[in-house]
Amino acid sequence: MDFGEIAERLRCPSCRQQLSLNDEQFVCKDSSCRRSFPIVDGVPVFLVDKSTQLPDDEWAKVIG
């Protein structure tokens, strides 16, 4: 599925900020949250307890 069309409408379940989409994950754009939500078998997993908080440097690379 192409999530590009809906990505800008989605919000982080943890902090409600906008998400960024890359190849295998959605990443929160908020620098204090930095949550990464995986896409597993083509299905985004927006569960906070299944997410990870990216280190600052990795988050900066993903967000650009």
PDB file of N, CA and C in Angstrom:
ATOM      1  N   MET A   1       0.847  -1.187   0.000  1.00  0.00           N
ATOM      2  CA  MET A   1       0.000   0.000   0.000  1.00  0.00           C
ATOM      3  C   MET A   1       0.885   1.241   0.000  1.00  0.00           C
ATOM      4  N   ASP A   2       0.443   2.253  -0.696  1.00  0.00           N
ATOM      5  CA  ASP A   2       1.168   3.517  -0.734  1.00  0.00           C
ATOM      6  C   ASP A   2       0.629   4.422   0.371  1.00  0.00           C
ATOM      7  N   PHE A   3       1.431   4.607   1.401  1.00  0.00           N
ATOM      8  CA  PHE A   3       1.003   5.424   2.537  1.00  0.00           C
ATOM      9  C   PHE A   3       1.303   6.903   2.331  1.00  0.00           C
ATOM     10  N   GLY A   4       1.990   7.237   1.239  1.00  0.00           N
ATOM     11  CA  GLY A   4       2.361   8.622   0.981  1.00  0.00           C
ATOM     12  C   GLY A   4       1.174   9.565   0.939  1.00  0.00           C
ATOM     13  N   GLU A   5       0.056   9.086   0.406  1.00  0.00           N
ATOM     14  CA  GLU A   5      -1.133   9.926   0.280  1.00  0.00           C
ATOM     15  C   GLU A   5      -1.758  10.285   1.625  1.00  0.00           C
ATOM     16  N   ILE A   6      -1.622   9.409   2.603  1.00  0.00           N
ATOM     17  CA  ILE A   6      -2.266   9.666   3.898  1.00  0.00           C
ATOM     18  C   ILE A   6      -1.281  10.070   4.989  1.00  0.00           C
ATOM     19  N   ALA A   7       0.015  10.000   4.703  1.00  0.00           N
ATOM     20  CA  ALA A   7       1.034  10.232   5.734  1.00  0.00           C
ATOM     21  C   ALA A   7       0.889  11.589   6.411  1.00  0.00           C
ATOM     22  N   GLU A   8       0.591  12.636   5.655  1.00  0.00           N
ATOM     23  CA  GLU A   8       0.517  13.962   6.266  1.00  0.00           C
ATOM     24  C   GLU A   8      -0.721  14.142   7.145  1.00  0.00           C
ATOM     25  N   ARG A   9      -1.684  13.261   7.021  1.00  0.00           N
ATOM     26  CA  ARG A   9      -2.884  13.329   7.874  1.00  0.00           C
ATOM     27  C   ARG A   9      -2.713  12.570   9.184  1.00  0.00           C
ATOM     28  N   LEU A  10      -1.752  11.661   9.210  1.00  0.00           N
ATOM     29  CA  LEU A  10      -1.543  10.833  10.401  1.00  0.00           C
ATOM     30  C   LEU A  10      -0.797  11.606  11.478  1.00  0.00           C
ATOM     31  N   ARG A  11      -1.042  11.244  12.725  1.00  0.00           N
ATOM     32  CA  ARG A  11      -0.385  11.889  13.855  1.00  0.00           C
ATOM     33  C   ARG A  11       0.207  10.832  14.773  1.00  0.00           C
ATOM     34  N   CYS A  12       1.235  11.208  15.472  1.00  0.00           N
ATOM     35  CA  CYS A  12       1.896  10.320  16.421  1.00  0.00           C
ATOM     36  C   CYS A  12       0.918   9.971  17.549  1.00  0.00           C
ATOM     37  N   PRO A  13       0.737   8.692  17.840  1.00  0.00           N
ATOM     38  CA  PRO A  13      -0.162   8.303  18.927  1.00  0.00           C
ATOM     39  C   PRO A  13       0.348   8.727  20.301  1.00  0.00           C
ATOM     40  N   SER A  14       1.632   9.010  20.405  1.00  0.00           N
ATOM     41  CA  SER A  14       2.214   9.385  21.688  1.00  0.00           C
ATOM     42  C   SER A  14       2.071  10.880  21.982  1.00  0.00           C
ATOM     43  N   CYS A  15       2.430  11.732  21.001  1.00  0.00           N
ATOM     44  CA  CYS A  15       2.446  13.180  21.265  1.00  0.00           C
ATOM     45  C   CYS A  15       1.528  13.991  20.351  1.00  0.00           C
ATOM     46  N   ARG A  16       0.920  13.346  19.369  1.00  0.00           N
ATOM     47  CA  ARG A  16      -0.031  13.961  18.432  1.00  0.00           C
ATOM     48  C   ARG A  16       0.618  14.900  17.403  1.00  0.00           C
ATOM     49  N   GLN A  17       1.927  14.812  17.229  1.00  0.00           N
ATOM     50  CA  GLN A  17       2.603  15.616  16.214  1.00  0.00           C
ATOM     51  C   GLN A  17       2.604  14.877  14.878  1.00  0.00           C
ATOM     52  N   GLN A  18       3.008  15.560  13.830  1.00  0.00           N
ATOM     53  CA  GLN A  18       3.009  14.982  12.484  1.00  0.00           C
ATOM     54  C   GLN A  18       4.048  13.871  12.361  1.00  0.00           C
ATOM     55  N   LEU A  19       3.756  12.906  11.498  1.00  0.00           N
ATOM     56  CA  LEU A  19       4.662  11.792  11.239  1.00  0.00           C
ATOM     57  C   LEU A  19       5.321  11.958   9.878  1.00  0.00           C
ATOM     58  N   SER A  20       6.525  11.411   9.773  1.00  0.00           N
ATOM     59  CA  SER A  20       7.249  11.349   8.512  1.00  0.00           C
ATOM     60  C   SER A  20       7.321   9.885   8.095  1.00  0.00           C
ATOM     61  N   LEU A  21       7.212   9.630   6.812  1.00  0.00           N
ATOM     62  CA  LEU A  21       7.240   8.264   6.297  1.00  0.00           C
ATOM     63  C   LEU A  21       8.545   8.016   5.568  1.00  0.00           C
ATOM     64  N   ASN A  22       9.211   6.905   5.897  1.00  0.00           N
ATOM     65  CA  ASN A  22      10.317   6.446   5.068  1.00  0.00           C
ATOM     66  C   ASN A  22      10.032   5.006   4.677  1.00  0.00           C
ATOM     67  N   ASP A  23      10.985   4.301   4.143  1.00  0.00           N
ATOM     68  CA  ASP A  23      10.735   2.980   3.559  1.00  0.00           C
ATOM     69  C   ASP A  23      10.095   1.969   4.503  1.00  0.00           C
ATOM     70  N   GLU A  24      10.542   1.907   5.742  1.00  0.00           N
ATOM     71  CA  GLU A  24      10.067   0.837   6.621  1.00  0.00           C
ATOM     72  C   GLU A  24       9.440   1.317   7.923  1.00  0.00           C
ATOM     73  N   GLN A  25       9.216   2.623   8.050  1.00  0.00           N
ATOM     74  CA  GLN A  25       8.683   3.117   9.319  1.00  0.00           C
ATOM     75  C   GLN A  25       8.067   4.504   9.168  1.00  0.00           C
ATOM     76  N   PHE A  26       7.219   4.825  10.131  1.00  0.00           N
ATOM     77  CA  PHE A  26       6.744   6.185  10.322  1.00  0.00           C
ATOM     78  C   PHE A  26       7.515   6.732  11.513  1.00  0.00           C
ATOM     79  N   VAL A  27       7.963   7.985  11.426  1.00  0.00           N
ATOM     80  CA  VAL A  27       8.750   8.587  12.496  1.00  0.00           C
ATOM     81  C   VAL A  27       8.106   9.906  12.889  1.00  0.00           C
ATOM     82  N   CYS A  28       7.974  10.117  14.197  1.00  0.00           N
ATOM     83  CA  CYS A  28       7.420  11.364  14.709  1.00  0.00           C
ATOM     84  C   CYS A  28       8.384  12.508  14.409  1.00  0.00           C
ATOM     85  N   LYS A  29       7.844  13.626  13.947  1.00  0.00           N
ATOM     86  CA  LYS A  29       8.672  14.781  13.613  1.00  0.00           C
ATOM     87  C   LYS A  29       9.039  15.622  14.830  1.00  0.00           C
ATOM     88  N   ASP A  30       8.466  15.330  15.972  1.00  0.00           N
ATOM     89  CA  ASP A  30       8.759  16.093  17.185  1.00  0.00           C
ATOM     90  C   ASP A  30      10.102  15.656  17.764  1.00  0.00           C
ATOM     91  N   SER A  31      11.010  16.606  17.964  1.00  0.00           N
ATOM     92  CA  SER A  31      12.370  16.280  18.419  1.00  0.00           C
ATOM     93  C   SER A  31      12.427  15.753  19.847  1.00  0.00           C
ATOM     94  N   SER A  32      11.430  16.013  20.645  1.00  0.00           N
ATOM     95  CA  SER A  32      11.442  15.471  22.008  1.00  0.00           C
ATOM     96  C   SER A  32      10.798  14.086  22.079  1.00  0.00           C
ATOM     97  N   CYS A  33       9.990  13.737  21.096  1.00  0.00           N
ATOM     98  CA  CYS A  33       9.328  12.427  21.065  1.00  0.00           C
ATOM     99  C   CYS A  33      10.188  11.403  20.321  1.00  0.00           C
ATOM    100  N   ARG A  34      10.467  11.675  19.035  1.00  0.00           N
ATOM    101  CA  ARG A  34      11.340  10.845  18.190  1.00  0.00           C
ATOM    102  C   ARG A  34      10.889   9.386  18.076  1.00  0.00           C
ATOM    103  N   ARG A  35       9.598   9.103  18.223  1.00  0.00           N
ATOM    104  CA  ARG A  35       9.102   7.725  18.162  1.00  0.00           C
ATOM    105  C   ARG A  35       9.107   7.211  16.727  1.00  0.00           C
ATOM    106  N   SER A  36       9.465   5.949  16.591  1.00  0.00           N
ATOM    107  CA  SER A  36       9.474   5.253  15.314  1.00  0.00           C
ATOM    108  C   SER A  36       8.450   4.127  15.378  1.00  0.00           C
ATOM    109  N   PHE A  37       7.556   4.098  14.386  1.00  0.00           N
ATOM    110  CA  PHE A  37       6.505   3.089  14.317  1.00  0.00           C
ATOM    111  C   PHE A  37       6.754   2.221  13.083  1.00  0.00           C
ATOM    112  N   PRO A  38       6.963   0.922  13.281  1.00  0.00           N
ATOM    113  CA  PRO A  38       7.332   0.051  12.159  1.00  0.00           C
ATOM    114  C   PRO A  38       6.157  -0.246  11.228  1.00  0.00           C
ATOM    115  N   ILE A  39       6.509  -0.642  10.022  1.00  0.00           N
ATOM    116  CA  ILE A  39       5.540  -1.184   9.073  1.00  0.00           C
ATOM    117  C   ILE A  39       5.877  -2.663   8.954  1.00  0.00           C
ATOM    118  N   VAL A  40       4.982  -3.519   9.428  1.00  0.00           N
ATOM    119  CA  VAL A  40       5.220  -4.962   9.470  1.00  0.00           C
ATOM    120  C   VAL A  40       4.298  -5.652   8.465  1.00  0.00           C
ATOM    121  N   ASP A  41       4.884  -6.360   7.536  1.00  0.00           N
ATOM    122  CA  ASP A  41       4.111  -7.051   6.492  1.00  0.00           C
ATOM    123  C   ASP A  41       3.125  -6.113   5.799  1.00  0.00           C
ATOM    124  N   GLY A  42       3.561  -4.875   5.569  1.00  0.00           N
ATOM    125  CA  GLY A  42       2.733  -3.902   4.874  1.00  0.00           C
ATOM    126  C   GLY A  42       1.698  -3.198   5.727  1.00  0.00           C
ATOM    127  N   VAL A  43       1.731  -3.438   7.046  1.00  0.00           N
ATOM    128  CA  VAL A  43       0.750  -2.843   7.957  1.00  0.00           C
ATOM    129  C   VAL A  43       1.470  -1.966   8.984  1.00  0.00           C
ATOM    130  N   PRO A  44       1.152  -0.665   9.049  1.00  0.00           N
ATOM    131  CA  PRO A  44       1.763   0.190  10.068  1.00  0.00           C
ATOM    132  C   PRO A  44       1.292  -0.226  11.462  1.00  0.00           C
ATOM    133  N   VAL A  45       2.224  -0.238  12.402  1.00  0.00           N
ATOM    134  CA  VAL A  45       1.910  -0.604  13.788  1.00  0.00           C
ATOM    135  C   VAL A  45       2.028   0.668  14.629  1.00  0.00           C
ATOM    136  N   PHE A  46       0.882   1.293  14.918  1.00  0.00           N
ATOM    137  CA  PHE A  46       0.856   2.545  15.656  1.00  0.00           C
ATOM    138  C   PHE A  46       0.559   2.326  17.138  1.00  0.00           C
ATOM    139  N   LEU A  47       1.208   1.363  17.733  1.00  0.00           N
ATOM    140  CA  LEU A  47       1.077   1.093  19.164  1.00  0.00           C
ATOM    141  C   LEU A  47       2.314   1.647  19.856  1.00  0.00           C
ATOM    142  N   VAL A  48       2.104   2.505  20.840  1.00  0.00           N
ATOM    143  CA  VAL A  48       3.231   3.144  21.521  1.00  0.00           C
ATOM    144  C   VAL A  48       4.147   2.105  22.149  1.00  0.00           C
ATOM    145  N   ASP A  49       3.582   1.043  22.721  1.00  0.00           N
ATOM    146  CA  ASP A  49       4.427   0.033  23.361  1.00  0.00           C
ATOM    147  C   ASP A  49       5.209  -0.812  22.356  1.00  0.00           C
ATOM    148  N   LYS A  50       4.880  -0.727  21.071  1.00  0.00           N
ATOM    149  CA  LYS A  50       5.634  -1.418  20.014  1.00  0.00           C
ATOM    150  C   LYS A  50       6.582  -0.462  19.278  1.00  0.00           C
ATOM    151  N   SER A  51       6.556   0.800  19.651  1.00  0.00           N
ATOM    152  CA  SER A  51       7.412   1.793  19.006  1.00  0.00           C
ATOM    153  C   SER A  51       8.759   1.875  19.722  1.00  0.00           C
ATOM    154  N   THR A  52       9.690   2.550  19.074  1.00  0.00           N
ATOM    155  CA  THR A  52      10.989   2.802  19.704  1.00  0.00           C
ATOM    156  C   THR A  52      11.281   4.290  19.620  1.00  0.00           C
ATOM    157  N   GLN A  53      12.044   4.773  20.590  1.00  0.00           N
ATOM    158  CA  GLN A  53      12.476   6.165  20.540  1.00  0.00           C
ATOM    159  C   GLN A  53      13.861   6.197  19.917  1.00  0.00           C
ATOM    160  N   LEU A  54      13.967   6.883  18.792  1.00  0.00           N
ATOM    161  CA  LEU A  54      15.230   6.934  18.074  1.00  0.00           C
ATOM    162  C   LEU A  54      16.231   7.837  18.784  1.00  0.00           C
ATOM    163  N   PRO A  55      17.516   7.476  18.749  1.00  0.00           N
ATOM    164  CA  PRO A  55      18.550   8.390  19.247  1.00  0.00           C
ATOM    165  C   PRO A  55      18.545   9.670  18.400  1.00  0.00           C
ATOM    166  N   ASP A  56      19.007  10.770  18.985  1.00  0.00           N
ATOM    167  CA  ASP A  56      18.987  12.067  18.297  1.00  0.00           C
ATOM    168  C   ASP A  56      19.605  12.022  16.906  1.00  0.00           C
ATOM    169  N   ASP A  57      20.780  11.411  16.777  1.00  0.00           N
ATOM    170  CA  ASP A  57      21.476  11.414  15.491  1.00  0.00           C
ATOM    171  C   ASP A  57      20.731  10.597  14.432  1.00  0.00           C
ATOM    172  N   GLU A  58      20.180   9.467  14.817  1.00  0.00           N
ATOM    173  CA  GLU A  58      19.421   8.640  13.869  1.00  0.00           C
ATOM    174  C   GLU A  58      18.128   9.343  13.466  1.00  0.00           C
ATOM    175  N   TRP A  59      17.455   9.965  14.437  1.00  0.00           N
ATOM    176  CA  TRP A  59      16.227  10.704  14.155  1.00  0.00           C
ATOM    177  C   TRP A  59      16.505  11.833  13.157  1.00  0.00           C
ATOM    178  N   ALA A  60      17.607  12.558  13.359  1.00  0.00           N
ATOM    179  CA  ALA A  60      17.961  13.666  12.469  1.00  0.00           C
ATOM    180  C   ALA A  60      18.205  13.180  11.039  1.00  0.00           C
ATOM    181  N   LYS A  61      18.804  12.009  10.881  1.00  0.00           N
ATOM    182  CA  LYS A  61      19.032  11.452   9.542  1.00  0.00           C
ATOM    183  C   LYS A  61      17.712  11.100   8.864  1.00  0.00           C
ATOM    184  N   VAL A  62      16.801  10.521   9.624  1.00  0.00           N
ATOM    185  CA  VAL A  62      15.512  10.099   9.064  1.00  0.00           C
ATOM    186  C   VAL A  62      14.661  11.311   8.686  1.00  0.00           C
ATOM    187  N   ILE A  63      14.621  12.300   9.559  1.00  0.00           N
ATOM    188  CA  ILE A  63      13.791  13.478   9.327  1.00  0.00           C
ATOM    189  C   ILE A  63      14.414  14.393   8.278  1.00  0.00           C
ATOM    190  N   GLY A  64      15.746  14.436   8.287  1.00  0.00           N
ATOM    191  CA  GLY A  64      16.469  15.216   7.280  1.00  0.00           C
ATOM    192  C   GLY A  64      16.505  16.653   7.599  1.00  0.00           C
TER     193      GLY A  64
END
